[in-house]
Amino acid sequence: MTTTIFTSLALAAATVTGFASPAFAADLPTAVVRYGDINLANAAGAQTLQMRVKRAAARVCQTSDRDLSAVMAAKQCQRLAVARAMPQVELALAQAGTQVAQNSASLASAH
């Protein structure tokens, strides 16, 4: 069983910055979220995985710029990165045999 989720931020960053060139996409950061230590067969495990994905997105999309537009772009990057990771999260939850996979998408997209 795969115990990592790769959160590629290429689409998120391209959307936020307006860049879409392949060379730019290749240079974008990717976060690896490990979940082999989590019991995904219960709601607490599902929430833990979702929090790890959100933290990874926040870490990769962070900005040191205090300009409002940069902060807003970073927040948008985080939202898009989490949304891109949710299909992988849902698959991991489904493979674990949990019924919370359907709820995880709405929890993640609500923020």
N, C-alpha and C. Protein backbone atom coordinates (compact mmCIF):
# COMPACT_ATOMS: atom_id res chain seq x y z
N MET A 1 0.85 -1.18 0.00
CA MET A 1 0.00 0.00 0.00
C MET A 1 0.89 1.24 0.00
N THR A 2 0.55 2.20 -0.79
CA THR A 2 1.27 3.46 -0.83
C THR A 2 0.91 4.27 0.41
N THR A 3 1.93 4.84 1.04
CA THR A 3 1.65 5.61 2.25
C THR A 3 2.12 7.05 2.13
N THR A 4 2.11 7.55 0.91
CA THR A 4 2.46 8.95 0.71
C THR A 4 1.48 9.59 -0.26
N ILE A 5 1.31 10.87 -0.10
CA ILE A 5 0.49 11.66 -1.03
C ILE A 5 1.40 12.76 -1.55
N PHE A 6 1.45 12.89 -2.85
CA PHE A 6 2.25 13.94 -3.45
C PHE A 6 1.34 15.10 -3.79
N THR A 7 1.61 16.23 -3.22
CA THR A 7 0.80 17.41 -3.46
C THR A 7 1.58 18.33 -4.38
N SER A 8 1.32 18.21 -5.65
CA SER A 8 2.00 19.07 -6.61
C SER A 8 1.28 20.40 -6.68
N LEU A 9 2.05 21.44 -6.62
CA LEU A 9 1.45 22.77 -6.59
C LEU A 9 1.57 23.47 -7.94
N ALA A 10 1.88 22.74 -8.97
CA ALA A 10 2.06 23.36 -10.28
C ALA A 10 0.81 24.10 -10.74
N LEU A 11 -0.32 23.45 -10.69
CA LEU A 11 -1.56 24.10 -11.12
C LEU A 11 -1.90 25.26 -10.21
N ALA A 12 -1.74 25.07 -8.93
CA ALA A 12 -2.06 26.13 -7.98
C ALA A 12 -1.21 27.36 -8.22
N ALA A 13 0.08 27.18 -8.33
CA ALA A 13 0.97 28.32 -8.52
C ALA A 13 0.77 28.96 -9.89
N ALA A 14 0.53 28.14 -10.90
CA ALA A 14 0.30 28.69 -12.23
C ALA A 14 -0.97 29.53 -12.25
N THR A 15 -1.97 29.08 -11.55
CA THR A 15 -3.23 29.83 -11.49
C THR A 15 -3.04 31.14 -10.75
N VAL A 16 -2.31 31.10 -9.64
CA VAL A 16 -2.13 32.29 -8.82
C VAL A 16 -1.23 33.31 -9.51
N THR A 17 -0.15 32.84 -10.11
CA THR A 17 0.82 33.77 -10.68
C THR A 17 0.56 34.10 -12.14
N GLY A 18 -0.22 33.28 -12.82
CA GLY A 18 -0.48 33.53 -14.23
C GLY A 18 0.52 32.85 -15.15
N PHE A 19 1.51 32.17 -14.59
CA PHE A 19 2.48 31.45 -15.40
C PHE A 19 1.94 30.07 -15.71
N ALA A 20 2.18 29.60 -16.92
CA ALA A 20 1.73 28.25 -17.26
C ALA A 20 2.75 27.52 -18.12
N SER A 21 3.96 28.01 -18.22
CA SER A 21 4.95 27.36 -19.07
C SER A 21 5.44 26.06 -18.44
N PRO A 22 5.77 25.06 -19.26
CA PRO A 22 6.26 23.79 -18.73
C PRO A 22 7.53 23.94 -17.90
N ALA A 23 8.41 24.85 -18.30
CA ALA A 23 9.65 25.05 -17.53
C ALA A 23 9.33 25.57 -16.14
N PHE A 24 8.36 26.45 -16.04
CA PHE A 24 7.96 26.98 -14.74
C PHE A 24 7.34 25.88 -13.89
N ALA A 25 6.50 25.07 -14.48
CA ALA A 25 5.83 23.99 -13.75
C ALA A 25 6.83 22.99 -13.19
N ALA A 26 7.91 22.73 -13.92
CA ALA A 26 8.91 21.77 -13.46
C ALA A 26 9.65 22.27 -12.23
N ASP A 27 9.72 23.58 -12.03
CA ASP A 27 10.45 24.15 -10.90
C ASP A 27 9.60 24.33 -9.65
N LEU A 28 8.32 24.03 -9.72
CA LEU A 28 7.45 24.27 -8.59
C LEU A 28 7.63 23.20 -7.52
N PRO A 29 7.45 23.59 -6.27
CA PRO A 29 7.65 22.63 -5.17
C PRO A 29 6.54 21.60 -5.09
N THR A 30 6.90 20.47 -4.53
CA THR A 30 5.95 19.39 -4.28
C THR A 30 6.13 18.94 -2.84
N ALA A 31 5.05 18.74 -2.14
CA ALA A 31 5.12 18.26 -0.76
C ALA A 31 4.75 16.79 -0.73
N VAL A 32 5.44 16.04 0.09
CA VAL A 32 5.13 14.63 0.30
C VAL A 32 4.50 14.50 1.67
N VAL A 33 3.31 13.94 1.71
CA VAL A 33 2.59 13.75 2.97
C VAL A 33 2.57 12.26 3.27
N ARG A 34 3.22 11.87 4.34
CA ARG A 34 3.28 10.46 4.73
C ARG A 34 2.14 10.16 5.71
N TYR A 35 1.56 8.98 5.53
CA TYR A 35 0.45 8.62 6.42
C TYR A 35 0.48 7.15 6.84
N GLY A 36 1.62 6.51 6.70
CA GLY A 36 1.74 5.11 7.08
C GLY A 36 1.52 4.85 8.56
N ASP A 37 1.69 5.87 9.37
CA ASP A 37 1.53 5.74 10.82
C ASP A 37 0.12 6.06 11.30
N ILE A 38 -0.79 6.35 10.38
CA ILE A 38 -2.16 6.75 10.74
C ILE A 38 -3.12 5.61 10.44
N ASN A 39 -4.07 5.37 11.33
CA ASN A 39 -5.14 4.42 11.09
C ASN A 39 -6.24 5.15 10.33
N LEU A 40 -6.31 4.90 9.03
CA LEU A 40 -7.29 5.60 8.20
C LEU A 40 -8.67 4.98 8.26
N ALA A 41 -8.83 3.93 9.04
CA ALA A 41 -10.13 3.27 9.13
C ALA A 41 -11.05 3.94 10.14
N ASN A 42 -10.64 5.07 10.68
CA ASN A 42 -11.53 5.79 11.60
C ASN A 42 -11.48 7.29 11.30
N ALA A 43 -12.44 8.01 11.83
CA ALA A 43 -12.57 9.44 11.54
C ALA A 43 -11.38 10.24 12.05
N ALA A 44 -10.82 9.86 13.19
CA ALA A 44 -9.67 10.59 13.73
C ALA A 44 -8.47 10.48 12.79
N GLY A 45 -8.26 9.30 12.22
CA GLY A 45 -7.17 9.12 11.27
C GLY A 45 -7.39 9.93 10.00
N ALA A 46 -8.63 9.96 9.53
CA ALA A 46 -8.95 10.75 8.34
C ALA A 46 -8.69 12.23 8.59
N GLN A 47 -9.08 12.72 9.76
CA GLN A 47 -8.84 14.13 10.09
C GLN A 47 -7.35 14.43 10.21
N THR A 48 -6.59 13.49 10.77
CA THR A 48 -5.15 13.68 10.88
C THR A 48 -4.52 13.79 9.50
N LEU A 49 -4.93 12.94 8.58
CA LEU A 49 -4.40 13.00 7.22
C LEU A 49 -4.76 14.32 6.56
N GLN A 50 -5.99 14.76 6.72
CA GLN A 50 -6.40 16.04 6.13
C GLN A 50 -5.58 17.19 6.69
N MET A 51 -5.32 17.17 7.98
CA MET A 51 -4.51 18.24 8.60
C MET A 51 -3.08 18.22 8.07
N ARG A 52 -2.53 17.03 7.84
CA ARG A 52 -1.18 16.94 7.28
C ARG A 52 -1.13 17.52 5.88
N VAL A 53 -2.16 17.26 5.09
CA VAL A 53 -2.22 17.81 3.74
C VAL A 53 -2.31 19.33 3.80
N LYS A 54 -3.15 19.84 4.69
CA LYS A 54 -3.31 21.30 4.82
C LYS A 54 -2.00 21.95 5.28
N ARG A 55 -1.32 21.32 6.23
CA ARG A 55 -0.04 21.87 6.70
C ARG A 55 1.01 21.86 5.59
N ALA A 56 1.04 20.79 4.81
CA ALA A 56 1.99 20.70 3.71
C ALA A 56 1.72 21.80 2.68
N ALA A 57 0.46 22.02 2.37
CA ALA A 57 0.10 23.08 1.43
C ALA A 57 0.50 24.45 1.98
N ALA A 58 0.26 24.67 3.26
CA ALA A 58 0.62 25.96 3.87
C ALA A 58 2.13 26.15 3.84
N ARG A 59 2.87 25.08 4.09
CA ARG A 59 4.33 25.17 4.12
C ARG A 59 4.89 25.49 2.72
N VAL A 60 4.35 24.84 1.70
CA VAL A 60 4.88 25.02 0.35
C VAL A 60 4.40 26.33 -0.28
N CYS A 61 3.23 26.80 0.12
CA CYS A 61 2.68 28.02 -0.47
C CYS A 61 3.00 29.28 0.33
N GLN A 62 3.70 29.14 1.42
CA GLN A 62 3.94 30.30 2.28
C GLN A 62 4.70 31.41 1.55
N THR A 63 4.51 32.61 2.03
CA THR A 63 5.21 33.77 1.49
C THR A 63 5.75 34.58 2.65
N SER A 64 6.91 35.16 2.44
CA SER A 64 7.47 36.04 3.47
C SER A 64 7.07 37.49 3.20
N ASP A 65 6.44 37.69 2.05
CA ASP A 65 6.00 39.03 1.66
C ASP A 65 4.75 39.39 2.46
N ARG A 66 4.70 40.60 2.98
CA ARG A 66 3.53 41.04 3.75
C ARG A 66 2.54 41.83 2.90
N ASP A 67 2.82 41.94 1.63
CA ASP A 67 1.92 42.61 0.71
C ASP A 67 0.60 41.83 0.64
N LEU A 68 -0.50 42.55 0.69
CA LEU A 68 -1.81 41.91 0.72
C LEU A 68 -2.02 40.98 -0.47
N SER A 69 -1.62 41.40 -1.65
CA SER A 69 -1.83 40.55 -2.83
C SER A 69 -1.00 39.27 -2.74
N ALA A 70 0.20 39.34 -2.18
CA ALA A 70 1.03 38.14 -2.02
C ALA A 70 0.42 37.20 -0.99
N VAL A 71 -0.10 37.75 0.08
CA VAL A 71 -0.74 36.94 1.12
C VAL A 71 -1.99 36.26 0.55
N MET A 72 -2.78 37.00 -0.21
CA MET A 72 -3.99 36.44 -0.82
C MET A 72 -3.62 35.35 -1.84
N ALA A 73 -2.56 35.57 -2.60
CA ALA A 73 -2.10 34.57 -3.57
C ALA A 73 -1.64 33.30 -2.85
N ALA A 74 -0.98 33.46 -1.73
CA ALA A 74 -0.53 32.30 -0.95
C ALA A 74 -1.73 31.52 -0.42
N LYS A 75 -2.75 32.22 0.04
CA LYS A 75 -3.97 31.55 0.53
C LYS A 75 -4.66 30.80 -0.61
N GLN A 76 -4.72 31.41 -1.77
CA GLN A 76 -5.32 30.76 -2.94
C GLN A 76 -4.51 29.53 -3.33
N CYS A 77 -3.20 29.64 -3.29
CA CYS A 77 -2.31 28.51 -3.57
C CYS A 77 -2.62 27.37 -2.62
N GLN A 78 -2.77 27.67 -1.34
CA GLN A 78 -3.07 26.65 -0.34
C GLN A 78 -4.39 25.95 -0.64
N ARG A 79 -5.41 26.74 -0.95
CA ARG A 79 -6.72 26.15 -1.25
C ARG A 79 -6.65 25.22 -2.45
N LEU A 80 -5.97 25.67 -3.50
CA LEU A 80 -5.86 24.85 -4.71
C LEU A 80 -5.02 23.60 -4.47
N ALA A 81 -3.96 23.73 -3.70
CA ALA A 81 -3.11 22.57 -3.42
C ALA A 81 -3.88 21.52 -2.63
N VAL A 82 -4.64 21.94 -1.64
CA VAL A 82 -5.45 21.01 -0.85
C VAL A 82 -6.50 20.35 -1.75
N ALA A 83 -7.14 21.13 -2.59
CA ALA A 83 -8.15 20.58 -3.49
C ALA A 83 -7.55 19.55 -4.44
N ARG A 84 -6.33 19.81 -4.91
CA ARG A 84 -5.66 18.86 -5.80
C ARG A 84 -5.30 17.57 -5.08
N ALA A 85 -5.01 17.65 -3.81
CA ALA A 85 -4.62 16.47 -3.04
C ALA A 85 -5.81 15.63 -2.60
N MET A 86 -7.00 16.21 -2.55
CA MET A 86 -8.16 15.50 -2.01
C MET A 86 -8.49 14.20 -2.74
N PRO A 87 -8.36 14.11 -4.06
CA PRO A 87 -8.62 12.80 -4.69
C PRO A 87 -7.68 11.71 -4.17
N GLN A 88 -6.43 12.06 -3.90
CA GLN A 88 -5.49 11.08 -3.35
C GLN A 88 -5.87 10.72 -1.91
N VAL A 89 -6.32 11.71 -1.15
CA VAL A 89 -6.77 11.46 0.22
C VAL A 89 -7.98 10.54 0.20
N GLU A 90 -8.94 10.84 -0.65
CA GLU A 90 -10.14 10.03 -0.74
C GLU A 90 -9.82 8.60 -1.15
N LEU A 91 -8.88 8.43 -2.07
CA LEU A 91 -8.47 7.09 -2.49
C LEU A 91 -7.83 6.34 -1.33
N ALA A 92 -6.96 7.00 -0.59
CA ALA A 92 -6.32 6.36 0.56
C ALA A 92 -7.36 5.94 1.59
N LEU A 93 -8.33 6.80 1.84
CA LEU A 93 -9.39 6.47 2.80
C LEU A 93 -10.26 5.32 2.29
N ALA A 94 -10.57 5.33 1.02
CA ALA A 94 -11.38 4.26 0.45
C ALA A 94 -10.64 2.93 0.51
N GLN A 95 -9.34 2.95 0.24
CA GLN A 95 -8.55 1.73 0.30
C GLN A 95 -8.43 1.22 1.73
N ALA A 96 -8.55 2.10 2.69
CA ALA A 96 -8.49 1.70 4.10
C ALA A 96 -9.84 1.15 4.56
N GLY A 97 -10.85 1.26 3.72
CA GLY A 97 -12.16 0.73 4.05
C GLY A 97 -12.99 1.63 4.93
N THR A 98 -12.69 2.90 4.95
CA THR A 98 -13.44 3.82 5.79
C THR A 98 -14.59 4.44 5.00
N GLN A 99 -15.60 4.84 5.70
CA GLN A 99 -16.74 5.49 5.07
C GLN A 99 -16.65 7.00 5.16
N VAL A 100 -15.57 7.55 5.71
CA VAL A 100 -15.46 8.99 5.86
C VAL A 100 -14.85 9.65 4.63
N ALA A 101 -14.54 8.87 3.60
CA ALA A 101 -13.93 9.44 2.40
C ALA A 101 -14.82 10.52 1.79
N GLN A 102 -16.11 10.31 1.78
CA GLN A 102 -17.02 11.28 1.20
C GLN A 102 -17.00 12.58 2.00
N ASN A 103 -16.90 12.49 3.32
CA ASN A 103 -16.89 13.68 4.16
C ASN A 103 -15.58 14.44 4.06
N SER A 104 -14.48 13.77 3.75
CA SER A 104 -13.19 14.44 3.74
C SER A 104 -13.11 15.54 2.69
N ALA A 105 -13.75 15.34 1.56
CA ALA A 105 -13.70 16.36 0.52
C ALA A 105 -14.40 17.63 0.98
N SER A 106 -15.53 17.49 1.64
CA SER A 106 -16.24 18.68 2.07
C SER A 106 -15.52 19.37 3.22
N LEU A 107 -14.87 18.62 4.09
CA LEU A 107 -14.10 19.23 5.17
C LEU A 107 -12.94 20.04 4.63
N ALA A 108 -12.26 19.49 3.63
CA ALA A 108 -11.09 20.17 3.10
C ALA A 108 -11.48 21.40 2.28
N SER A 109 -12.54 21.30 1.53
CA SER A 109 -12.89 22.41 0.66
C SER A 109 -13.63 23.52 1.40
N ALA A 110 -14.03 23.26 2.62
CA ALA A 110 -14.75 24.29 3.37
C ALA A 110 -13.82 25.38 3.87
N HIS A 111 -12.52 25.15 3.84
CA HIS A 111 -11.57 26.14 4.37
C HIS A 111 -10.88 26.89 3.28
